[in-house]
N, C-alpha and C. Protein backbone atom coordinates (compact mmCIF):
# COMPACT_ATOMS: atom_id res chain seq x y z
N MET A 1 90.68 86.24 172.72
CA MET A 1 89.44 85.58 172.34
C MET A 1 89.24 84.29 173.14
N ALA A 2 90.33 83.62 173.44
CA ALA A 2 90.24 82.38 174.21
C ALA A 2 89.68 82.65 175.61
N ARG A 3 90.03 83.81 176.19
CA ARG A 3 89.50 84.15 177.51
C ARG A 3 87.99 84.34 177.47
N LEU A 4 87.50 84.93 176.38
CA LEU A 4 86.06 85.13 176.24
C LEU A 4 85.34 83.78 176.16
N PHE A 5 85.88 82.86 175.36
CA PHE A 5 85.26 81.55 175.24
C PHE A 5 85.31 80.81 176.57
N SER A 6 86.39 80.99 177.31
CA SER A 6 86.50 80.38 178.62
C SER A 6 85.43 80.95 179.57
N ALA A 7 85.24 82.26 179.52
CA ALA A 7 84.21 82.90 180.35
C ALA A 7 82.82 82.43 179.93
N MET A 8 82.61 82.22 178.65
CA MET A 8 81.32 81.74 178.16
C MET A 8 81.04 80.32 178.65
N ASP A 9 82.09 79.53 178.84
CA ASP A 9 81.91 78.17 179.34
C ASP A 9 81.33 78.14 180.75
N ALA A 10 81.46 79.24 181.48
CA ALA A 10 80.91 79.32 182.84
C ALA A 10 79.40 79.51 182.84
N LEU A 11 78.84 79.84 181.68
CA LEU A 11 77.39 80.06 181.58
C LEU A 11 76.64 78.74 181.51
N SER A 12 75.41 78.77 181.97
CA SER A 12 74.54 77.60 181.84
C SER A 12 74.11 77.48 180.38
N PRO A 13 73.63 76.32 179.98
CA PRO A 13 73.16 76.17 178.60
C PRO A 13 72.07 77.20 178.23
N ALA A 14 71.17 77.49 179.15
CA ALA A 14 70.11 78.47 178.87
C ALA A 14 70.70 79.87 178.69
N GLN A 15 71.71 80.20 179.48
CA GLN A 15 72.36 81.51 179.35
C GLN A 15 73.10 81.61 178.02
N ARG A 16 73.81 80.55 177.64
CA ARG A 16 74.52 80.55 176.35
C ARG A 16 73.53 80.70 175.21
N GLU A 17 72.39 80.02 175.31
CA GLU A 17 71.36 80.10 174.27
C GLU A 17 70.84 81.53 174.14
N LEU A 18 70.64 82.21 175.26
CA LEU A 18 70.16 83.60 175.22
C LEU A 18 71.21 84.50 174.57
N VAL A 19 72.47 84.31 174.90
CA VAL A 19 73.55 85.09 174.28
C VAL A 19 73.56 84.86 172.76
N GLU A 20 73.41 83.62 172.36
CA GLU A 20 73.38 83.29 170.93
C GLU A 20 72.22 84.00 170.23
N LYS A 21 71.05 83.96 170.86
CA LYS A 21 69.88 84.60 170.25
C LYS A 21 70.08 86.10 170.09
N VAL A 22 70.61 86.75 171.12
CA VAL A 22 70.73 88.21 171.12
C VAL A 22 71.88 88.67 170.23
N TYR A 23 73.04 88.02 170.34
CA TYR A 23 74.24 88.54 169.68
C TYR A 23 74.58 87.87 168.35
N PHE A 24 74.32 86.58 168.22
CA PHE A 24 74.67 85.91 166.98
C PHE A 24 73.52 85.85 165.99
N GLU A 25 72.31 85.66 166.52
CA GLU A 25 71.12 85.65 165.65
C GLU A 25 70.53 87.04 165.52
N GLU A 26 71.02 88.00 166.34
CA GLU A 26 70.59 89.40 166.33
C GLU A 26 69.07 89.55 166.49
N ARG A 27 68.52 88.74 167.39
CA ARG A 27 67.09 88.81 167.66
C ARG A 27 66.80 89.89 168.69
N LYS A 28 65.63 90.46 168.63
CA LYS A 28 65.23 91.52 169.56
C LYS A 28 64.79 90.92 170.88
N ILE A 29 65.13 91.63 171.95
CA ILE A 29 64.76 91.18 173.29
C ILE A 29 63.25 91.01 173.40
N THR A 30 62.50 91.93 172.80
CA THR A 30 61.04 91.86 172.84
C THR A 30 60.54 90.56 172.22
N ASP A 31 61.12 90.16 171.10
CA ASP A 31 60.71 88.93 170.43
C ASP A 31 61.04 87.70 171.27
N ILE A 32 62.21 87.70 171.86
CA ILE A 32 62.61 86.58 172.71
C ILE A 32 61.68 86.48 173.92
N ALA A 33 61.36 87.63 174.53
CA ALA A 33 60.46 87.65 175.69
C ALA A 33 59.09 87.09 175.31
N ARG A 34 58.57 87.53 174.19
CA ARG A 34 57.26 87.05 173.74
C ARG A 34 57.30 85.54 173.51
N GLU A 35 58.36 85.05 172.88
CA GLU A 35 58.51 83.62 172.60
C GLU A 35 58.56 82.80 173.89
N GLU A 36 59.22 83.34 174.90
CA GLU A 36 59.38 82.61 176.17
C GLU A 36 58.25 82.89 177.16
N GLY A 37 57.36 83.82 176.82
CA GLY A 37 56.23 84.11 177.69
C GLY A 37 56.61 84.89 178.93
N VAL A 38 57.65 85.72 178.81
CA VAL A 38 58.09 86.54 179.94
C VAL A 38 58.17 88.00 179.49
N SER A 39 58.42 88.88 180.43
CA SER A 39 58.48 90.30 180.11
C SER A 39 59.85 90.67 179.51
N HIS A 40 59.86 91.82 178.87
CA HIS A 40 61.11 92.39 178.35
C HIS A 40 62.10 92.57 179.50
N ALA A 41 61.59 93.03 180.64
CA ALA A 41 62.44 93.25 181.82
C ALA A 41 63.08 91.95 182.30
N ALA A 42 62.36 90.84 182.21
CA ALA A 42 62.90 89.55 182.65
C ALA A 42 64.10 89.15 181.79
N ILE A 43 63.99 89.34 180.49
CA ILE A 43 65.10 89.03 179.59
C ILE A 43 66.26 89.98 179.87
N HIS A 44 65.96 91.24 180.07
CA HIS A 44 67.00 92.22 180.37
C HIS A 44 67.73 91.85 181.66
N ASP A 45 66.99 91.42 182.68
CA ASP A 45 67.61 91.00 183.94
C ASP A 45 68.51 89.77 183.74
N ARG A 46 68.05 88.83 182.91
CA ARG A 46 68.88 87.65 182.62
C ARG A 46 70.18 88.07 181.95
N LEU A 47 70.08 89.00 181.00
CA LEU A 47 71.28 89.48 180.31
C LEU A 47 72.22 90.18 181.28
N ASP A 48 71.68 90.95 182.20
CA ASP A 48 72.52 91.62 183.20
C ASP A 48 73.30 90.59 184.03
N ARG A 49 72.62 89.52 184.44
CA ARG A 49 73.29 88.47 185.21
C ARG A 49 74.37 87.79 184.37
N ILE A 50 74.07 87.59 183.09
CA ILE A 50 75.04 86.97 182.19
C ILE A 50 76.28 87.86 182.05
N TYR A 51 76.07 89.17 181.84
CA TYR A 51 77.20 90.10 181.70
C TYR A 51 78.09 90.05 182.93
N LYS A 52 77.47 90.04 184.12
CA LYS A 52 78.23 90.01 185.36
C LYS A 52 79.01 88.71 185.49
N LYS A 53 78.39 87.61 185.11
CA LYS A 53 79.05 86.31 185.20
C LYS A 53 80.25 86.25 184.25
N ILE A 54 80.06 86.77 183.05
CA ILE A 54 81.17 86.79 182.08
C ILE A 54 82.29 87.67 182.60
N LYS A 55 81.92 88.84 183.10
CA LYS A 55 82.94 89.78 183.61
C LYS A 55 83.73 89.16 184.76
N ASN A 56 83.05 88.48 185.66
CA ASN A 56 83.73 87.85 186.80
C ASN A 56 84.63 86.69 186.39
N ASN A 57 84.34 86.07 185.26
CA ASN A 57 85.13 84.93 184.79
C ASN A 57 86.11 85.31 183.69
N PHE A 58 86.19 86.57 183.37
CA PHE A 58 87.04 86.99 182.26
C PHE A 58 88.45 87.26 182.71
């Protein structure tokens, strides 16, 4: 678990906030996209970059 938190520390504040919204608050990507004024695909792309960053730092 410590390795995961260490990998999460490599994320920017905006990336951490998105992870919190999706996984801890269990919000839908569509709702987040609407709130931020971007497309569903844009949020999905951000999540893909986050997954890769976590994987590389894990």
